Amino acid sequence: MYLKLMHKFLLILSTLVLLNAEETFMVDDFEATLFSKASGTLQVQGSFIFEGRDVDIYDFKIIDALNVVIGSFYAEDLLTSKGKEAFKTTLIKYVQEKYALDIDTLYIQKLKVLNDTTAQKIIEALKKEGCCK
C-alpha cells in the first residue's frame, strides 16, 4: 500500500515538474535604430535571455515584439535602470497580450548605444574646432 502511494506521488510530482519546465531563448547582438532625445536617431545593440513556456518554439513572435517595443523607447531611456525595468515590463506585457506567450523572466545581458562615427560627423567636428574650412 505504502509503495503504491509513493509511486503515485512520484508520478504526479514528475508530471508537475515537466509541465512547469521553463525553456530559454537567447537573442544575441540585436540591433535597432531608436530616436534620440538629443539628435535624430541612434543605433543600439543588445543581448537578451527570455525564460518561459514555449519561448524557443515561438522565437519569431518574441523577435517581432522586441522590435515593436524597443522602438517605443528613446535610446537614452534604455540606458537607465528605470528605463531598463520599464522596457522589461512593457515587453513581457506586450508578448502576453499580443501572442498569449508567458515570459517568466527577461534578462538584459547587454544594452548599449553604438558609436555612429561617420566621415561627415568627423569633418563637422574638425570644422567646429577650426581645423578645416
Protein backbone atom coordinates (compact mmCIF):
# COMPACT_ATOMS: atom_id res chain seq x y z
CA MET A 1 0.00 0.00 0.00
CA TYR A 2 2.74 2.41 1.01
CA LEU A 3 4.73 1.56 -2.12
CA LYS A 4 1.74 2.22 -4.42
CA LEU A 5 1.09 5.55 -2.73
CA MET A 6 4.73 6.56 -3.05
CA HIS A 7 4.76 5.53 -6.73
CA LYS A 8 1.67 7.68 -7.46
CA PHE A 9 3.19 10.60 -5.59
CA LEU A 10 6.42 10.41 -7.59
CA LEU A 11 4.49 10.12 -10.84
CA ILE A 12 2.41 13.21 -10.05
CA LEU A 13 5.46 15.14 -8.89
CA SER A 14 7.46 14.34 -12.02
CA THR A 15 4.49 15.30 -14.22
CA LEU A 16 4.20 18.65 -12.46
CA VAL A 17 7.90 19.29 -12.89
CA LEU A 18 7.68 18.56 -16.62
CA LEU A 19 4.63 20.79 -17.03
CA ASN A 20 6.36 23.70 -15.33
CA ALA A 21 9.65 23.29 -17.15
CA GLU A 22 10.89 26.58 -18.50
CA GLU A 23 12.58 27.00 -21.80
CA THR A 24 15.23 29.54 -22.68
CA PHE A 25 15.57 31.67 -25.80
CA MET A 26 18.60 33.88 -26.34
CA VAL A 27 18.88 36.91 -28.61
CA ASP A 28 22.49 37.93 -29.25
CA ASP A 29 23.61 41.25 -30.73
CA PHE A 30 20.13 42.53 -31.55
CA GLU A 31 20.37 45.94 -33.25
CA ALA A 32 17.75 48.65 -33.64
CA THR A 33 17.66 52.29 -34.61
CA LEU A 34 15.96 54.40 -31.96
CA PHE A 35 15.08 58.04 -31.69
CA SER A 36 17.33 60.12 -29.50
CA LYS A 37 16.08 62.95 -27.31
CA ALA A 38 19.09 64.99 -28.36
CA SER A 39 19.82 64.33 -32.00
CA GLY A 40 17.94 62.32 -34.59
CA THR A 41 18.49 58.60 -34.25
CA LEU A 42 20.96 56.32 -32.52
CA GLN A 43 21.87 52.69 -33.11
CA VAL A 44 21.50 50.43 -30.06
CA GLN A 45 22.70 46.87 -29.60
CA GLY A 46 21.54 44.38 -27.01
CA SER A 47 21.59 40.75 -25.97
CA PHE A 48 18.66 39.25 -24.09
CA ILE A 49 17.64 35.97 -22.46
CA PHE A 50 13.97 35.03 -22.28
CA GLU A 51 12.71 32.31 -19.93
CA GLY A 52 9.23 30.89 -20.15
CA ARG A 53 7.00 28.31 -21.70
CA ASP A 54 7.34 27.79 -25.47
CA VAL A 55 9.74 30.72 -25.91
CA ASP A 56 12.05 28.68 -28.13
CA ILE A 57 9.19 27.45 -30.32
CA TYR A 58 7.74 30.93 -30.87
CA ASP A 59 11.02 32.81 -31.03
CA PHE A 60 9.85 34.72 -34.12
CA LYS A 61 6.99 36.22 -32.10
CA ILE A 62 9.41 37.35 -29.42
CA ILE A 63 11.68 38.97 -32.02
CA ASP A 64 8.68 40.78 -33.51
CA ALA A 65 7.61 42.02 -30.08
CA LEU A 66 11.17 43.07 -29.28
CA ASN A 67 11.28 45.18 -32.45
CA VAL A 68 7.93 46.82 -31.72
CA VAL A 69 8.53 47.55 -28.04
CA ILE A 70 12.14 48.73 -28.25
CA GLY A 71 11.09 51.22 -30.93
CA SER A 72 8.75 52.92 -28.47
CA PHE A 73 11.63 53.95 -26.18
CA TYR A 74 14.17 56.74 -26.55
CA ALA A 75 17.73 55.45 -26.69
CA GLU A 76 18.75 57.46 -23.62
CA ASP A 77 15.90 56.00 -21.54
CA LEU A 78 17.14 52.46 -22.16
CA LEU A 79 20.48 53.31 -20.57
CA THR A 80 18.99 53.97 -17.12
CA SER A 81 17.94 51.36 -14.57
CA LYS A 82 14.41 52.73 -14.51
CA GLY A 83 14.23 52.65 -18.30
CA LYS A 84 15.50 49.07 -18.49
CA GLU A 85 12.93 47.91 -15.94
CA ALA A 86 10.16 49.73 -17.83
CA PHE A 87 11.36 48.09 -21.05
CA LYS A 88 11.28 44.62 -19.48
CA THR A 89 7.80 45.12 -18.04
CA THR A 90 6.43 46.55 -21.28
CA LEU A 91 7.91 43.78 -23.42
CA ILE A 92 6.61 40.99 -21.17
CA LYS A 93 3.10 42.53 -21.14
CA TYR A 94 3.12 43.07 -24.90
CA VAL A 95 4.11 39.46 -25.62
CA GLN A 96 1.41 38.23 -23.25
CA GLU A 97 -1.34 40.40 -24.75
CA LYS A 98 -0.38 40.10 -28.42
CA TYR A 99 0.72 36.45 -28.62
CA ALA A 100 -0.53 34.85 -25.38
CA LEU A 101 3.01 33.77 -24.52
CA ASP A 102 4.16 33.76 -20.92
CA ILE A 103 7.65 35.11 -20.39
CA ASP A 104 8.56 34.45 -16.78
CA THR A 105 11.88 36.27 -16.81
CA LEU A 106 13.70 38.60 -19.15
CA TYR A 107 17.40 39.18 -18.61
CA ILE A 108 19.27 42.00 -20.29
CA GLN A 109 22.79 40.74 -20.87
CA LYS A 110 23.99 43.77 -22.79
CA LEU A 111 22.38 47.02 -23.92
CA LYS A 112 24.45 49.84 -25.35
CA VAL A 113 24.42 52.69 -27.82
CA LEU A 114 26.75 52.07 -30.75
CA ASN A 115 29.05 54.85 -31.86
CA ASP A 116 27.87 56.17 -35.19
CA THR A 117 31.03 57.87 -36.32
CA THR A 118 30.69 58.75 -39.98
CA ALA A 119 33.12 60.72 -42.10
CA GLN A 120 30.66 63.62 -42.22
CA LYS A 121 30.49 63.80 -38.42
CA ILE A 122 34.28 63.79 -38.18
CA ILE A 123 34.52 66.62 -40.71
CA GLU A 124 31.88 68.63 -38.85
CA ALA A 125 33.73 68.16 -35.56
CA LEU A 126 37.02 69.23 -37.16
CA LYS A 127 35.36 72.32 -38.66
CA LYS A 128 33.92 73.19 -35.28
CA GLU A 129 37.43 73.09 -33.83
CA GLY A 130 38.73 75.30 -36.64
CA CYS A 131 40.91 72.64 -38.25
CA CYS A 132 39.16 72.65 -41.64
CA LYS A 133 37.49 75.31 -43.72
